[in-house]
Amino acid sequence: MLKIFKQYRPNQIARYVKSYFRGRLFIMGVGAFEFDCGRLLPPKSNDIKALSALTEVNKEIQLLAAEAY
């Protein structure tokens, strides 16, 4: 299943990745990503915008994990 996010909201994307654990998603204006083990995986292209989004969303996922404890 492919989830499409029309706007880039790191916290919303992080909650989605954390809840589904494995899958694919697409962010309009950024690109497509896969996630596994509750983390976004690096995209196939080395686009700076996509890598920046990857880093930011993975940081949000870490913050969500820290709040759980």
PDB file of N, CA and C in Angstrom:
ATOM      1  N   MET A   1       0.835  -1.177   0.000  1.00  0.00           N
ATOM      2  CA  MET A   1       0.000   0.000   0.000  1.00  0.00           C
ATOM      3  C   MET A   1       0.881   1.241   0.000  1.00  0.00           C
ATOM      4  N   LEU A   2       0.565   2.191  -0.823  1.00  0.00           N
ATOM      5  CA  LEU A   2       1.329   3.422  -0.944  1.00  0.00           C
ATOM      6  C   LEU A   2       0.523   4.569  -0.362  1.00  0.00           C
ATOM      7  N   LYS A   3       1.052   5.221   0.651  1.00  0.00           N
ATOM      8  CA  LYS A   3       0.407   6.380   1.269  1.00  0.00           C
ATOM      9  C   LYS A   3       0.966   7.627   0.610  1.00  0.00           C
ATOM     10  N   ILE A   4       0.093   8.542   0.207  1.00  0.00           N
ATOM     11  CA  ILE A   4       0.513   9.794  -0.421  1.00  0.00           C
ATOM     12  C   ILE A   4       0.227  10.933   0.540  1.00  0.00           C
ATOM     13  N   PHE A   5       1.273  11.686   0.865  1.00  0.00           N
ATOM     14  CA  PHE A   5       1.143  12.879   1.699  1.00  0.00           C
ATOM     15  C   PHE A   5       1.181  14.094   0.781  1.00  0.00           C
ATOM     16  N   LYS A   6       0.140  14.905   0.815  1.00  0.00           N
ATOM     17  CA  LYS A   6       0.062  16.075  -0.060  1.00  0.00           C
ATOM     18  C   LYS A   6       0.895  17.234   0.458  1.00  0.00           C
ATOM     19  N   GLN A   7       1.155  17.248   1.765  1.00  0.00           N
ATOM     20  CA  GLN A   7       1.997  18.274   2.365  1.00  0.00           C
ATOM     21  C   GLN A   7       3.073  17.593   3.205  1.00  0.00           C
ATOM     22  N   TYR A   8       4.220  18.254   3.285  1.00  0.00           N
ATOM     23  CA  TYR A   8       5.329  17.712   4.066  1.00  0.00           C
ATOM     24  C   TYR A   8       5.168  18.148   5.514  1.00  0.00           C
ATOM     25  N   ARG A   9       4.731  17.217   6.351  1.00  0.00           N
ATOM     26  CA  ARG A   9       4.603  17.434   7.790  1.00  0.00           C
ATOM     27  C   ARG A   9       5.353  16.309   8.493  1.00  0.00           C
ATOM     28  N   PRO A  10       6.582  16.586   8.935  1.00  0.00           N
ATOM     29  CA  PRO A  10       7.435  15.528   9.491  1.00  0.00           C
ATOM     30  C   PRO A  10       6.797  14.749  10.642  1.00  0.00           C
ATOM     31  N   ASN A  11       6.090  15.432  11.532  1.00  0.00           N
ATOM     32  CA  ASN A  11       5.502  14.746  12.682  1.00  0.00           C
ATOM     33  C   ASN A  11       4.409  13.780  12.234  1.00  0.00           C
ATOM     34  N   GLN A  12       3.577  14.185  11.301  1.00  0.00           N
ATOM     35  CA  GLN A  12       2.512  13.320  10.791  1.00  0.00           C
ATOM     36  C   GLN A  12       3.095  12.106  10.070  1.00  0.00           C
ATOM     37  N   ILE A  13       4.116  12.328   9.277  1.00  0.00           N
ATOM     38  CA  ILE A  13       4.765  11.236   8.545  1.00  0.00           C
ATOM     39  C   ILE A  13       5.433  10.274   9.529  1.00  0.00           C
ATOM     40  N   ALA A  14       6.069  10.818  10.554  1.00  0.00           N
ATOM     41  CA  ALA A  14       6.731   9.982  11.560  1.00  0.00           C
ATOM     42  C   ALA A  14       5.720   9.091  12.279  1.00  0.00           C
ATOM     43  N   ARG A  15       4.560   9.626  12.625  1.00  0.00           N
ATOM     44  CA  ARG A  15       3.534   8.820  13.281  1.00  0.00           C
ATOM     45  C   ARG A  15       3.034   7.706  12.364  1.00  0.00           C
ATOM     46  N   TYR A  16       2.906   7.998  11.075  1.00  0.00           N
ATOM     47  CA  TYR A  16       2.474   6.986  10.110  1.00  0.00           C
ATOM     48  C   TYR A  16       3.504   5.858  10.010  1.00  0.00           C
ATOM     49  N   VAL A  17       4.784   6.245   9.863  1.00  0.00           N
ATOM     50  CA  VAL A  17       5.858   5.255   9.738  1.00  0.00           C
ATOM     51  C   VAL A  17       5.934   4.411  11.002  1.00  0.00           C
ATOM     52  N   LYS A  18       5.808   5.033  12.153  1.00  0.00           N
ATOM     53  CA  LYS A  18       5.899   4.326  13.426  1.00  0.00           C
ATOM     54  C   LYS A  18       4.745   3.340  13.599  1.00  0.00           C
ATOM     55  N   SER A  19       3.563   3.696  13.102  1.00  0.00           N
ATOM     56  CA  SER A  19       2.410   2.829  13.312  1.00  0.00           C
ATOM     57  C   SER A  19       2.344   1.661  12.321  1.00  0.00           C
ATOM     58  N   TYR A  20       2.822   1.853  11.089  1.00  0.00           N
ATOM     59  CA  TYR A  20       2.739   0.776  10.096  1.00  0.00           C
ATOM     60  C   TYR A  20       4.021  -0.035   9.959  1.00  0.00           C
ATOM     61  N   PHE A  21       5.152   0.503  10.429  1.00  0.00           N
ATOM     62  CA  PHE A  21       6.411  -0.233  10.559  1.00  0.00           C
ATOM     63  C   PHE A  21       7.087  -0.598   9.241  1.00  0.00           C
ATOM     64  N   ARG A  22       6.334  -0.980   8.190  1.00  0.00           N
ATOM     65  CA  ARG A  22       6.942  -1.353   6.907  1.00  0.00           C
ATOM     66  C   ARG A  22       5.993  -0.956   5.778  1.00  0.00           C
ATOM     67  N   GLY A  23       6.571  -0.328   4.732  1.00  0.00           N
ATOM     68  CA  GLY A  23       5.726   0.057   3.601  1.00  0.00           C
ATOM     69  C   GLY A  23       6.394   1.103   2.723  1.00  0.00           C
ATOM     70  N   ARG A  24       5.555   1.803   1.958  1.00  0.00           N
ATOM     71  CA  ARG A  24       6.047   2.844   1.060  1.00  0.00           C
ATOM     72  C   ARG A  24       5.186   4.082   1.226  1.00  0.00           C
ATOM     73  N   LEU A  25       5.782   5.250   0.957  1.00  0.00           N
ATOM     74  CA  LEU A  25       5.038   6.491   0.999  1.00  0.00           C
ATOM     75  C   LEU A  25       5.598   7.461  -0.024  1.00  0.00           C
ATOM     76  N   PHE A  26       4.778   8.426  -0.383  1.00  0.00           N
ATOM     77  CA  PHE A  26       5.169   9.449  -1.346  1.00  0.00           C
ATOM     78  C   PHE A  26       4.793  10.798  -0.764  1.00  0.00           C
ATOM     79  N   ILE A  27       5.739  11.741  -0.787  1.00  0.00           N
ATOM     80  CA  ILE A  27       5.499  13.096  -0.310  1.00  0.00           C
ATOM     81  C   ILE A  27       5.546  14.015  -1.526  1.00  0.00           C
ATOM     82  N   MET A  28       4.449  14.727  -1.770  1.00  0.00           N
ATOM     83  CA  MET A  28       4.379  15.635  -2.918  1.00  0.00           C
ATOM     84  C   MET A  28       5.493  16.678  -2.806  1.00  0.00           C
ATOM     85  N   GLY A  29       6.230  16.853  -3.873  1.00  0.00           N
ATOM     86  CA  GLY A  29       7.297  17.842  -3.904  1.00  0.00           C
ATOM     87  C   GLY A  29       8.627  17.348  -3.363  1.00  0.00           C
ATOM     88  N   VAL A  30       8.636  16.167  -2.746  1.00  0.00           N
ATOM     89  CA  VAL A  30       9.872  15.620  -2.168  1.00  0.00           C
ATOM     90  C   VAL A  30      10.262  14.331  -2.869  1.00  0.00           C
ATOM     91  N   GLY A  31       9.358  13.356  -2.900  1.00  0.00           N
ATOM     92  CA  GLY A  31       9.645  12.108  -3.585  1.00  0.00           C
ATOM     93  C   GLY A  31       9.096  10.889  -2.867  1.00  0.00           C
ATOM     94  N   ALA A  32       9.491   9.727  -3.355  1.00  0.00           N
ATOM     95  CA  ALA A  32       9.027   8.445  -2.822  1.00  0.00           C
ATOM     96  C   ALA A  32      10.046   7.875  -1.839  1.00  0.00           C
ATOM     97  N   PHE A  33       9.524   7.196  -0.820  1.00  0.00           N
ATOM     98  CA  PHE A  33      10.370   6.585   0.205  1.00  0.00           C
ATOM     99  C   PHE A  33       9.820   5.210   0.547  1.00  0.00           C
ATOM    100  N   GLU A  34      10.687   4.363   1.040  1.00  0.00           N
ATOM    101  CA  GLU A  34      10.288   3.093   1.637  1.00  0.00           C
ATOM    102  C   GLU A  34      10.685   3.151   3.101  1.00  0.00           C
ATOM    103  N   PHE A  35       9.945   2.435   3.935  1.00  0.00           N
ATOM    104  CA  PHE A  35      10.321   2.367   5.341  1.00  0.00           C
ATOM    105  C   PHE A  35      10.227   0.934   5.830  1.00  0.00           C
ATOM    106  N   ASP A  36      11.127   0.618   6.740  1.00  0.00           N
ATOM    107  CA  ASP A  36      11.209  -0.722   7.303  1.00  0.00           C
ATOM    108  C   ASP A  36      11.709  -0.592   8.739  1.00  0.00           C
ATOM    109  N   CYS A  37      11.216  -1.424   9.599  1.00  0.00           N
ATOM    110  CA  CYS A  37      11.592  -1.389  11.023  1.00  0.00           C
ATOM    111  C   CYS A  37      11.312  -0.031  11.650  1.00  0.00           C
ATOM    112  N   GLY A  38      10.281   0.658  11.175  1.00  0.00           N
ATOM    113  CA  GLY A  38       9.900   1.936  11.749  1.00  0.00           C
ATOM    114  C   GLY A  38      10.834   3.074  11.411  1.00  0.00           C
ATOM    115  N   ARG A  39      11.642   2.969  10.351  1.00  0.00           N
ATOM    116  CA  ARG A  39      12.573   4.026   9.938  1.00  0.00           C
ATOM    117  C   ARG A  39      12.486   4.211   8.437  1.00  0.00           C
ATOM    118  N   LEU A  40      12.604   5.460   7.993  1.00  0.00           N
ATOM    119  CA  LEU A  40      12.660   5.725   6.559  1.00  0.00           C
ATOM    120  C   LEU A  40      14.003   5.270   6.020  1.00  0.00           C
ATOM    121  N   LEU A  41      13.980   4.638   4.871  1.00  0.00           N
ATOM    122  CA  LEU A  41      15.207   4.185   4.214  1.00  0.00           C
ATOM    123  C   LEU A  41      15.642   5.229   3.189  1.00  0.00           C
ATOM    124  N   PRO A  42      16.937   5.327   2.911  1.00  0.00           N
ATOM    125  CA  PRO A  42      17.412   6.308   1.932  1.00  0.00           C
ATOM    126  C   PRO A  42      16.786   6.079   0.556  1.00  0.00           C
ATOM    127  N   PRO A  43      16.414   7.168  -0.129  1.00  0.00           N
ATOM    128  CA  PRO A  43      15.818   7.025  -1.463  1.00  0.00           C
ATOM    129  C   PRO A  43      16.854   6.595  -2.493  1.00  0.00           C
ATOM    130  N   LYS A  44      16.375   6.125  -3.632  1.00  0.00           N
ATOM    131  CA  LYS A  44      17.274   5.676  -4.702  1.00  0.00           C
ATOM    132  C   LYS A  44      18.112   6.833  -5.257  1.00  0.00           C
ATOM    133  N   SER A  45      17.491   8.017  -5.348  1.00  0.00           N
ATOM    134  CA  SER A  45      18.223   9.185  -5.859  1.00  0.00           C
ATOM    135  C   SER A  45      18.902   9.911  -4.701  1.00  0.00           C
ATOM    136  N   ASN A  46      19.945  10.630  -5.008  1.00  0.00           N
ATOM    137  CA  ASN A  46      20.665  11.395  -3.989  1.00  0.00           C
ATOM    138  C   ASN A  46      20.245  12.853  -4.010  1.00  0.00           C
ATOM    139  N   ASP A  47      18.941  13.087  -4.062  1.00  0.00           N
ATOM    140  CA  ASP A  47      18.389  14.430  -4.062  1.00  0.00           C
ATOM    141  C   ASP A  47      18.551  15.040  -2.658  1.00  0.00           C
ATOM    142  N   ILE A  48      19.083  16.242  -2.591  1.00  0.00           N
ATOM    143  CA  ILE A  48      19.339  16.907  -1.300  1.00  0.00           C
ATOM    144  C   ILE A  48      18.037  17.111  -0.523  1.00  0.00           C
ATOM    145  N   LYS A  49      16.971  17.504  -1.217  1.00  0.00           N
ATOM    146  CA  LYS A  49      15.692  17.746  -0.556  1.00  0.00           C
ATOM    147  C   LYS A  49      15.145  16.452   0.058  1.00  0.00           C
ATOM    148  N   ALA A  50      15.264  15.354  -0.667  1.00  0.00           N
ATOM    149  CA  ALA A  50      14.780  14.062  -0.170  1.00  0.00           C
ATOM    150  C   ALA A  50      15.620  13.590   1.018  1.00  0.00           C
ATOM    151  N   LEU A  51      16.919  13.760   0.948  1.00  0.00           N
ATOM    152  CA  LEU A  51      17.787  13.341   2.059  1.00  0.00           C
ATOM    153  C   LEU A  51      17.533  14.187   3.303  1.00  0.00           C
ATOM    154  N   SER A  52      17.269  15.470   3.104  1.00  0.00           N
ATOM    155  CA  SER A  52      16.956  16.356   4.225  1.00  0.00           C
ATOM    156  C   SER A  52      15.646  15.931   4.886  1.00  0.00           C
ATOM    157  N   ALA A  53      14.649  15.607   4.073  1.00  0.00           N
ATOM    158  CA  ALA A  53      13.364  15.154   4.603  1.00  0.00           C
ATOM    159  C   ALA A  53      13.534  13.834   5.351  1.00  0.00           C
ATOM    160  N   LEU A  54      14.323  12.927   4.807  1.00  0.00           N
ATOM    161  CA  LEU A  54      14.596  11.644   5.449  1.00  0.00           C
ATOM    162  C   LEU A  54      15.181  11.860   6.844  1.00  0.00           C
ATOM    163  N   THR A  55      16.163  12.721   6.940  1.00  0.00           N
ATOM    164  CA  THR A  55      16.813  12.997   8.221  1.00  0.00           C
ATOM    165  C   THR A  55      15.833  13.590   9.219  1.00  0.00           C
ATOM    166  N   GLU A  56      15.036  14.543   8.754  1.00  0.00           N
ATOM    167  CA  GLU A  56      14.098  15.208   9.652  1.00  0.00           C
ATOM    168  C   GLU A  56      13.012  14.250  10.153  1.00  0.00           C
ATOM    169  N   VAL A  57      12.477  13.431   9.284  1.00  0.00           N
ATOM    170  CA  VAL A  57      11.438  12.483   9.690  1.00  0.00           C
ATOM    171  C   VAL A  57      12.010  11.431  10.637  1.00  0.00           C
ATOM    172  N   ASN A  58      13.206  10.932  10.370  1.00  0.00           N
ATOM    173  CA  ASN A  58      13.813   9.944  11.273  1.00  0.00           C
ATOM    174  C   ASN A  58      14.091  10.547  12.653  1.00  0.00           C
ATOM    175  N   LYS A  59      14.428  11.832  12.718  1.00  0.00           N
ATOM    176  CA  LYS A  59      14.597  12.495  14.018  1.00  0.00           C
ATOM    177  C   LYS A  59      13.274  12.584  14.756  1.00  0.00           C
ATOM    178  N   GLU A  60      12.201  12.869  14.014  1.00  0.00           N
ATOM    179  CA  GLU A  60      10.877  12.908  14.631  1.00  0.00           C
ATOM    180  C   GLU A  60      10.481  11.538  15.170  1.00  0.00           C
ATOM    181  N   ILE A  61      10.845  10.479  14.452  1.00  0.00           N
ATOM    182  CA  ILE A  61      10.553   9.119  14.911  1.00  0.00           C
ATOM    183  C   ILE A  61      11.294   8.831  16.214  1.00  0.00           C
ATOM    184  N   GLN A  62      12.538   9.281  16.314  1.00  0.00           N
ATOM    185  CA  GLN A  62      13.305   9.109  17.542  1.00  0.00           C
ATOM    186  C   GLN A  62      12.642   9.860  18.699  1.00  0.00           C
ATOM    187  N   LEU A  63      12.126  11.065  18.424  1.00  0.00           N
ATOM    188  CA  LEU A  63      11.454  11.838  19.467  1.00  0.00           C
ATOM    189  C   LEU A  63      10.180  11.134  19.934  1.00  0.00           C
ATOM    190  N   LEU A  64       9.452  10.540  19.005  1.00  0.00           N
ATOM    191  CA  LEU A  64       8.258   9.787  19.372  1.00  0.00           C
ATOM    192  C   LEU A  64       8.604   8.594  20.255  1.00  0.00           C
ATOM    193  N   ALA A  65       9.710   7.935  19.944  1.00  0.00           N
ATOM    194  CA  ALA A  65      10.151   6.789  20.749  1.00  0.00           C
ATOM    195  C   ALA A  65      10.568   7.232  22.140  1.00  0.00           C
ATOM    196  N   ALA A  66      11.196   8.403  22.236  1.00  0.00           N
ATOM    197  CA  ALA A  66      11.640   8.917  23.532  1.00  0.00           C
ATOM    198  C   ALA A  66      10.447   9.315  24.395  1.00  0.00           C
ATOM    199  N   GLU A  67       9.372   9.803  23.777  1.00  0.00           N
ATOM    200  CA  GLU A  67       8.179  10.183  24.525  1.00  0.00           C
ATOM    201  C   GLU A  67       7.463   8.977  25.106  1.00  0.00           C
ATOM    202  N   ALA A  68       7.617   7.833  24.465  1.00  0.00           N
ATOM    203  CA  ALA A  68       6.936   6.622  24.903  1.00  0.00           C
ATOM    204  C   ALA A  68       7.503   6.104  26.237  1.00  0.00           C
ATOM    205  N   TYR A  69       8.752   6.412  26.542  1.00  0.00           N
ATOM    206  CA  TYR A  69       9.381   5.918  27.760  1.00  0.00           C
ATOM    207  C   TYR A  69       9.181   6.829  28.923  1.00  0.00           C
TER     208      TYR A  69
END
